[in-house]
Amino acid sequence: MALRLEDIDYFLAVVQHRQVRRAALELGVSQPAVSKGIQRLEQELGFPLFTRSRRGMEMTAVAEGFHQRVRALRRGLG
């Protein structure tokens, strides 16, 4: 498995903002870049990370565990 650090950053930003658009603005990248990064992660991991709702992007139950791990990992990397 080859996860990209930028894709993890995209994931964490979408979790925080609950919208791809806001995550992209925070990171200074395009919406399509964030969307493609999330898609790459989902493909590598083999499970969906988000569902869309009226309130924005919601993490799936399985993504919650992944979120805890990568958040701690990302904090350690600086």
PDB file of N, CA and C in Angstrom:
ATOM      1  N   MET A   1       0.841  -1.174   0.000  1.00  0.00           N
ATOM      2  CA  MET A   1       0.000   0.000   0.000  1.00  0.00           C
ATOM      3  C   MET A   1       0.890   1.242   0.000  1.00  0.00           C
ATOM      4  N   ALA A   2       0.606   2.157  -0.893  1.00  0.00           N
ATOM      5  CA  ALA A   2       1.401   3.378  -1.006  1.00  0.00           C
ATOM      6  C   ALA A   2       0.489   4.583  -0.814  1.00  0.00           C
ATOM      7  N   LEU A   3       0.317   4.997   0.424  1.00  0.00           N
ATOM      8  CA  LEU A   3      -0.496   6.170   0.711  1.00  0.00           C
ATOM      9  C   LEU A   3       0.340   7.423   0.533  1.00  0.00           C
ATOM     10  N   ARG A   4      -0.245   8.433  -0.059  1.00  0.00           N
ATOM     11  CA  ARG A   4       0.436   9.708  -0.266  1.00  0.00           C
ATOM     12  C   ARG A   4       0.137  10.639   0.910  1.00  0.00           C
ATOM     13  N   LEU A   5       1.156  11.310   1.387  1.00  0.00           N
ATOM     14  CA  LEU A   5       0.985  12.234   2.492  1.00  0.00           C
ATOM     15  C   LEU A   5      -0.006  13.343   2.136  1.00  0.00           C
ATOM     16  N   GLU A   6       0.048  13.813   0.908  1.00  0.00           N
ATOM     17  CA  GLU A   6      -0.892  14.862   0.494  1.00  0.00           C
ATOM     18  C   GLU A   6      -2.331  14.368   0.548  1.00  0.00           C
ATOM     19  N   ASP A   7      -2.560  13.096   0.209  1.00  0.00           N
ATOM     20  CA  ASP A   7      -3.918  12.546   0.268  1.00  0.00           C
ATOM     21  C   ASP A   7      -4.400  12.448   1.711  1.00  0.00           C
ATOM     22  N   ILE A   8      -3.499  12.123   2.611  1.00  0.00           N
ATOM     23  CA  ILE A   8      -3.851  12.094   4.036  1.00  0.00           C
ATOM     24  C   ILE A   8      -4.193  13.504   4.503  1.00  0.00           C
ATOM     25  N   ASP A   9      -3.434  14.490   4.054  1.00  0.00           N
ATOM     26  CA  ASP A   9      -3.743  15.877   4.398  1.00  0.00           C
ATOM     27  C   ASP A   9      -5.111  16.288   3.844  1.00  0.00           C
ATOM     28  N   TYR A  10      -5.430  15.846   2.632  1.00  0.00           N
ATOM     29  CA  TYR A  10      -6.741  16.141   2.047  1.00  0.00           C
ATOM     30  C   TYR A  10      -7.836  15.513   2.906  1.00  0.00           C
ATOM     31  N   PHE A  11      -7.637  14.257   3.278  1.00  0.00           N
ATOM     32  CA  PHE A  11      -8.610  13.553   4.117  1.00  0.00           C
ATOM     33  C   PHE A  11      -8.831  14.306   5.431  1.00  0.00           C
ATOM     34  N   LEU A  12      -7.760  14.667   6.096  1.00  0.00           N
ATOM     35  CA  LEU A  12      -7.875  15.358   7.383  1.00  0.00           C
ATOM     36  C   LEU A  12      -8.570  16.709   7.234  1.00  0.00           C
ATOM     37  N   ALA A  13      -8.308  17.411   6.154  1.00  0.00           N
ATOM     38  CA  ALA A  13      -8.953  18.703   5.924  1.00  0.00           C
ATOM     39  C   ALA A  13     -10.447  18.535   5.651  1.00  0.00           C
ATOM     40  N   VAL A  14     -10.812  17.508   4.891  1.00  0.00           N
ATOM     41  CA  VAL A  14     -12.238  17.265   4.628  1.00  0.00           C
ATOM     42  C   VAL A  14     -12.942  16.866   5.920  1.00  0.00           C
ATOM     43  N   VAL A  15     -12.296  16.070   6.752  1.00  0.00           N
ATOM     44  CA  VAL A  15     -12.880  15.722   8.048  1.00  0.00           C
ATOM     45  C   VAL A  15     -13.132  16.996   8.853  1.00  0.00           C
ATOM     46  N   GLN A  16     -12.160  17.869   8.880  1.00  0.00           N
ATOM     47  CA  GLN A  16     -12.269  19.093   9.664  1.00  0.00           C
ATOM     48  C   GLN A  16     -13.359  20.025   9.138  1.00  0.00           C
ATOM     49  N   HIS A  17     -13.404  20.215   7.830  1.00  0.00           N
ATOM     50  CA  HIS A  17     -14.309  21.203   7.234  1.00  0.00           C
ATOM     51  C   HIS A  17     -15.626  20.618   6.751  1.00  0.00           C
ATOM     52  N   ARG A  18     -15.664  19.312   6.569  1.00  0.00           N
ATOM     53  CA  ARG A  18     -16.862  18.604   6.120  1.00  0.00           C
ATOM     54  C   ARG A  18     -17.306  18.993   4.712  1.00  0.00           C
ATOM     55  N   GLN A  19     -16.418  19.656   3.975  1.00  0.00           N
ATOM     56  CA  GLN A  19     -16.674  20.020   2.586  1.00  0.00           C
ATOM     57  C   GLN A  19     -15.364  19.992   1.814  1.00  0.00           C
ATOM     58  N   VAL A  20     -15.430  19.463   0.608  1.00  0.00           N
ATOM     59  CA  VAL A  20     -14.249  19.422  -0.250  1.00  0.00           C
ATOM     60  C   VAL A  20     -13.815  20.847  -0.596  1.00  0.00           C
ATOM     61  N   ARG A  21     -14.770  21.707  -0.875  1.00  0.00           N
ATOM     62  CA  ARG A  21     -14.458  23.083  -1.271  1.00  0.00           C
ATOM     63  C   ARG A  21     -13.683  23.816  -0.178  1.00  0.00           C
ATOM     64  N   ARG A  22     -14.148  23.720   1.040  1.00  0.00           N
ATOM     65  CA  ARG A  22     -13.465  24.409   2.141  1.00  0.00           C
ATOM     66  C   ARG A  22     -12.094  23.801   2.420  1.00  0.00           C
ATOM     67  N   ALA A  23     -12.011  22.479   2.307  1.00  0.00           N
ATOM     68  CA  ALA A  23     -10.718  21.811   2.500  1.00  0.00           C
ATOM     69  C   ALA A  23      -9.721  22.288   1.451  1.00  0.00           C
ATOM     70  N   ALA A  24     -10.173  22.377   0.206  1.00  0.00           N
ATOM     71  CA  ALA A  24      -9.298  22.822  -0.882  1.00  0.00           C
ATOM     72  C   ALA A  24      -8.832  24.257  -0.649  1.00  0.00           C
ATOM     73  N   LEU A  25      -9.738  25.114  -0.208  1.00  0.00           N
ATOM     74  CA  LEU A  25      -9.364  26.510   0.067  1.00  0.00           C
ATOM     75  C   LEU A  25      -8.316  26.585   1.168  1.00  0.00           C
ATOM     76  N   GLU A  26      -8.498  25.820   2.224  1.00  0.00           N
ATOM     77  CA  GLU A  26      -7.530  25.832   3.327  1.00  0.00           C
ATOM     78  C   GLU A  26      -6.154  25.382   2.864  1.00  0.00           C
ATOM     79  N   LEU A  27      -6.136  24.354   2.020  1.00  0.00           N
ATOM     80  CA  LEU A  27      -4.873  23.766   1.580  1.00  0.00           C
ATOM     81  C   LEU A  27      -4.262  24.493   0.384  1.00  0.00           C
ATOM     82  N   GLY A  28      -5.028  25.359  -0.243  1.00  0.00           N
ATOM     83  CA  GLY A  28      -4.517  26.096  -1.400  1.00  0.00           C
ATOM     84  C   GLY A  28      -4.381  25.241  -2.638  1.00  0.00           C
ATOM     85  N   VAL A  29      -5.306  24.290  -2.795  1.00  0.00           N
ATOM     86  CA  VAL A  29      -5.319  23.423  -3.972  1.00  0.00           C
ATOM     87  C   VAL A  29      -6.726  23.452  -4.574  1.00  0.00           C
ATOM     88  N   SER A  30      -6.885  22.813  -5.710  1.00  0.00           N
ATOM     89  CA  SER A  30      -8.189  22.798  -6.367  1.00  0.00           C
ATOM     90  C   SER A  30      -9.109  21.739  -5.749  1.00  0.00           C
ATOM     91  N   GLN A  31     -10.416  21.951  -5.921  1.00  0.00           N
ATOM     92  CA  GLN A  31     -11.382  20.954  -5.477  1.00  0.00           C
ATOM     93  C   GLN A  31     -11.141  19.599  -6.142  1.00  0.00           C
ATOM     94  N   PRO A  32     -10.900  19.565  -7.459  1.00  0.00           N
ATOM     95  CA  PRO A  32     -10.649  18.272  -8.092  1.00  0.00           C
ATOM     96  C   PRO A  32      -9.430  17.545  -7.507  1.00  0.00           C
ATOM     97  N   ALA A  33      -8.414  18.294  -7.104  1.00  0.00           N
ATOM     98  CA  ALA A  33      -7.234  17.653  -6.500  1.00  0.00           C
ATOM     99  C   ALA A  33      -7.615  16.954  -5.202  1.00  0.00           C
ATOM    100  N   VAL A  34      -8.429  17.619  -4.382  1.00  0.00           N
ATOM    101  CA  VAL A  34      -8.859  17.013  -3.120  1.00  0.00           C
ATOM    102  C   VAL A  34      -9.742  15.804  -3.396  1.00  0.00           C
ATOM    103  N   SER A  35     -10.683  15.936  -4.316  1.00  0.00           N
ATOM    104  CA  SER A  35     -11.571  14.822  -4.653  1.00  0.00           C
ATOM    105  C   SER A  35     -10.789  13.612  -5.151  1.00  0.00           C
ATOM    106  N   LYS A  36      -9.817  13.845  -6.027  1.00  0.00           N
ATOM    107  CA  LYS A  36      -9.006  12.745  -6.553  1.00  0.00           C
ATOM    108  C   LYS A  36      -8.152  12.121  -5.453  1.00  0.00           C
ATOM    109  N   GLY A  37      -7.645  12.949  -4.544  1.00  0.00           N
ATOM    110  CA  GLY A  37      -6.871  12.419  -3.431  1.00  0.00           C
ATOM    111  C   GLY A  37      -7.705  11.518  -2.539  1.00  0.00           C
ATOM    112  N   ILE A  38      -8.928  11.920  -2.274  1.00  0.00           N
ATOM    113  CA  ILE A  38      -9.843  11.090  -1.465  1.00  0.00           C
ATOM    114  C   ILE A  38     -10.143   9.788  -2.205  1.00  0.00           C
ATOM    115  N   GLN A  39     -10.379   9.877  -3.496  1.00  0.00           N
ATOM    116  CA  GLN A  39     -10.631   8.676  -4.298  1.00  0.00           C
ATOM    117  C   GLN A  39      -9.437   7.730  -4.276  1.00  0.00           C
ATOM    118  N   ARG A  40      -8.221   8.268  -4.382  1.00  0.00           N
ATOM    119  CA  ARG A  40      -7.018   7.417  -4.322  1.00  0.00           C
ATOM    120  C   ARG A  40      -6.934   6.707  -2.979  1.00  0.00           C
ATOM    121  N   LEU A  41      -7.184   7.442  -1.902  1.00  0.00           N
ATOM    122  CA  LEU A  41      -7.150   6.826  -0.577  1.00  0.00           C
ATOM    123  C   LEU A  41      -8.172   5.703  -0.471  1.00  0.00           C
ATOM    124  N   GLU A  42      -9.383   5.976  -0.909  1.00  0.00           N
ATOM    125  CA  GLU A  42     -10.435   4.958  -0.848  1.00  0.00           C
ATOM    126  C   GLU A  42     -10.057   3.724  -1.654  1.00  0.00           C
ATOM    127  N   GLN A  43      -9.451   3.938  -2.800  1.00  0.00           N
ATOM    128  CA  GLN A  43      -9.027   2.811  -3.632  1.00  0.00           C
ATOM    129  C   GLN A  43      -7.924   2.013  -2.936  1.00  0.00           C
ATOM    130  N   GLU A  44      -6.951   2.691  -2.369  1.00  0.00           N
ATOM    131  CA  GLU A  44      -5.850   2.015  -1.671  1.00  0.00           C
ATOM    132  C   GLU A  44      -6.345   1.268  -0.433  1.00  0.00           C
ATOM    133  N   LEU A  45      -7.251   1.887   0.303  1.00  0.00           N
ATOM    134  CA  LEU A  45      -7.738   1.290   1.545  1.00  0.00           C
ATOM    135  C   LEU A  45      -8.796   0.225   1.316  1.00  0.00           C
ATOM    136  N   GLY A  46      -9.548   0.364   0.245  1.00  0.00           N
ATOM    137  CA  GLY A  46     -10.578  -0.616  -0.065  1.00  0.00           C
ATOM    138  C   GLY A  46     -11.896  -0.384   0.651  1.00  0.00           C
ATOM    139  N   PHE A  47     -12.107   0.840   1.145  1.00  0.00           N
ATOM    140  CA  PHE A  47     -13.398   1.164   1.754  1.00  0.00           C
ATOM    141  C   PHE A  47     -13.680   2.654   1.586  1.00  0.00           C
ATOM    142  N   PRO A  48     -14.973   2.999   1.592  1.00  0.00           N
ATOM    143  CA  PRO A  48     -15.325   4.415   1.444  1.00  0.00           C
ATOM    144  C   PRO A  48     -15.014   5.191   2.719  1.00  0.00           C
ATOM    145  N   LEU A  49     -14.548   6.406   2.553  1.00  0.00           N
ATOM    146  CA  LEU A  49     -14.209   7.253   3.690  1.00  0.00           C
ATOM    147  C   LEU A  49     -15.338   8.209   4.069  1.00  0.00           C
ATOM    148  N   PHE A  50     -16.143   8.613   3.099  1.00  0.00           N
ATOM    149  CA  PHE A  50     -17.185   9.606   3.336  1.00  0.00           C
ATOM    150  C   PHE A  50     -18.482   9.226   2.651  1.00  0.00           C
ATOM    151  N   THR A  51     -19.552   9.736   3.230  1.00  0.00           N
ATOM    152  CA  THR A  51     -20.841   9.775   2.551  1.00  0.00           C
ATOM    153  C   THR A  51     -21.232  11.246   2.501  1.00  0.00           C
ATOM    154  N   ARG A  52     -22.018  11.599   1.522  1.00  0.00           N
ATOM    155  CA  ARG A  52     -22.468  12.983   1.395  1.00  0.00           C
ATOM    156  C   ARG A  52     -23.850  13.110   2.035  1.00  0.00           C
ATOM    157  N   SER A  53     -24.033  14.211   2.740  1.00  0.00           N
ATOM    158  CA  SER A  53     -25.327  14.481   3.356  1.00  0.00           C
ATOM    159  C   SER A  53     -25.647  15.961   3.186  1.00  0.00           C
ATOM    160  N   ARG A  54     -26.789  16.374   3.660  1.00  0.00           N
ATOM    161  CA  ARG A  54     -27.147  17.790   3.584  1.00  0.00           C
ATOM    162  C   ARG A  54     -26.181  18.652   4.385  1.00  0.00           C
ATOM    163  N   ARG A  55     -25.577  18.053   5.403  1.00  0.00           N
ATOM    164  CA  ARG A  55     -24.653  18.787   6.259  1.00  0.00           C
ATOM    165  C   ARG A  55     -23.226  18.743   5.732  1.00  0.00           C
ATOM    166  N   GLY A  56     -23.002  18.111   4.610  1.00  0.00           N
ATOM    167  CA  GLY A  56     -21.655  18.026   4.034  1.00  0.00           C
ATOM    168  C   GLY A  56     -21.158  16.597   4.006  1.00  0.00           C
ATOM    169  N   MET A  57     -19.860  16.451   4.049  1.00  0.00           N
ATOM    170  CA  MET A  57     -19.226  15.133   3.992  1.00  0.00           C
ATOM    171  C   MET A  57     -19.203  14.538   5.398  1.00  0.00           C
ATOM    172  N   GLU A  58     -19.704  13.332   5.513  1.00  0.00           N
ATOM    173  CA  GLU A  58     -19.728  12.630   6.799  1.00  0.00           C
ATOM    174  C   GLU A  58     -18.806  11.416   6.696  1.00  0.00           C
ATOM    175  N   MET A  59     -17.952  11.227   7.697  1.00  0.00           N
ATOM    176  CA  MET A  59     -17.085  10.052   7.707  1.00  0.00           C
ATOM    177  C   MET A  59     -17.925   8.788   7.867  1.00  0.00           C
ATOM    178  N   THR A  60     -17.513   7.739   7.182  1.00  0.00           N
ATOM    179  CA  THR A  60     -18.148   6.442   7.398  1.00  0.00           C
ATOM    180  C   THR A  60     -17.642   5.873   8.722  1.00  0.00           C
ATOM    181  N   ALA A  61     -18.325   4.879   9.230  1.00  0.00           N
ATOM    182  CA  ALA A  61     -17.932   4.280  10.510  1.00  0.00           C
ATOM    183  C   ALA A  61     -16.518   3.712  10.437  1.00  0.00           C
ATOM    184  N   VAL A  62     -16.191   3.050   9.353  1.00  0.00           N
ATOM    185  CA  VAL A  62     -14.864   2.448   9.217  1.00  0.00           C
ATOM    186  C   VAL A  62     -13.776   3.519   9.087  1.00  0.00           C
ATOM    187  N   ALA A  63     -14.130   4.672   8.557  1.00  0.00           N
ATOM    188  CA  ALA A  63     -13.154   5.749   8.406  1.00  0.00           C
ATOM    189  C   ALA A  63     -12.780   6.374   9.747  1.00  0.00           C
ATOM    190  N   GLU A  64     -13.625   6.213  10.745  1.00  0.00           N
ATOM    191  CA  GLU A  64     -13.340   6.811  12.059  1.00  0.00           C
ATOM    192  C   GLU A  64     -12.041   6.253  12.650  1.00  0.00           C
ATOM    193  N   GLY A  65     -11.858   4.939  12.573  1.00  0.00           N
ATOM    194  CA  GLY A  65     -10.627   4.326  13.064  1.00  0.00           C
ATOM    195  C   GLY A  65      -9.415   4.783  12.269  1.00  0.00           C
ATOM    196  N   PHE A  66      -9.575   4.861  10.962  1.00  0.00           N
ATOM    197  CA  PHE A  66      -8.503   5.344  10.094  1.00  0.00           C
ATOM    198  C   PHE A  66      -8.150   6.777  10.467  1.00  0.00           C
ATOM    199  N   HIS A  67      -9.148   7.593  10.723  1.00  0.00           N
ATOM    200  CA  HIS A  67      -8.935   8.988  11.090  1.00  0.00           C
ATOM    201  C   HIS A  67      -8.088   9.100  12.358  1.00  0.00           C
ATOM    202  N   GLN A  68      -8.406   8.328  13.356  1.00  0.00           N
ATOM    203  CA  GLN A  68      -7.646   8.382  14.603  1.00  0.00           C
ATOM    204  C   GLN A  68      -6.175   8.036  14.371  1.00  0.00           C
ATOM    205  N   ARG A  69      -5.935   7.028  13.560  1.00  0.00           N
ATOM    206  CA  ARG A  69      -4.555   6.609  13.290  1.00  0.00           C
ATOM    207  C   ARG A  69      -3.776   7.651  12.505  1.00  0.00           C
ATOM    208  N   VAL A  70      -4.361   8.152  11.429  1.00  0.00           N
ATOM    209  CA  VAL A  70      -3.611   9.089  10.589  1.00  0.00           C
ATOM    210  C   VAL A  70      -3.473  10.457  11.247  1.00  0.00           C
ATOM    211  N   ARG A  71      -4.426  10.830  12.073  1.00  0.00           N
ATOM    212  CA  ARG A  71      -4.309  12.105  12.780  1.00  0.00           C
ATOM    213  C   ARG A  71      -3.103  12.064  13.717  1.00  0.00           C
ATOM    214  N   ALA A  72      -2.958  10.969  14.446  1.00  0.00           N
ATOM    215  CA  ALA A  72      -1.813  10.822  15.350  1.00  0.00           C
ATOM    216  C   ALA A  72      -0.507  10.738  14.551  1.00  0.00           C
ATOM    217  N   LEU A  73      -0.520   9.992  13.469  1.00  0.00           N
ATOM    218  CA  LEU A  73       0.656   9.867  12.612  1.00  0.00           C
ATOM    219  C   LEU A  73       1.064  11.219  12.042  1.00  0.00           C
ATOM    220  N   ARG A  74       0.094  11.969  11.554  1.00  0.00           N
ATOM    221  CA  ARG A  74       0.378  13.261  10.927  1.00  0.00           C
ATOM    222  C   ARG A  74       0.924  14.265  11.947  1.00  0.00           C
ATOM    223  N   ARG A  75       0.375  14.213  13.148  1.00  0.00           N
ATOM    224  CA  ARG A  75       0.886  15.084  14.213  1.00  0.00           C
ATOM    225  C   ARG A  75       2.339  14.772  14.504  1.00  0.00           C
ATOM    226  N   GLY A  76       2.691  13.497  14.490  1.00  0.00           N
ATOM    227  CA  GLY A  76       4.060  13.078  14.752  1.00  0.00           C
ATOM    228  C   GLY A  76       5.032  13.493  13.667  1.00  0.00           C
ATOM    229  N   LEU A  77       4.515  13.622  12.448  1.00  0.00           N
ATOM    230  CA  LEU A  77       5.377  14.023  11.319  1.00  0.00           C
ATOM    231  C   LEU A  77       5.575  15.534  11.260  1.00  0.00           C
ATOM    232  N   GLY A  78       4.700  16.259  11.909  1.00  0.00           N
ATOM    233  CA  GLY A  78       4.838  17.726  11.938  1.00  0.00           C
ATOM    234  C   GLY A  78       4.181  18.442  10.839  1.00  0.00           C
TER     235      GLY A  78
END
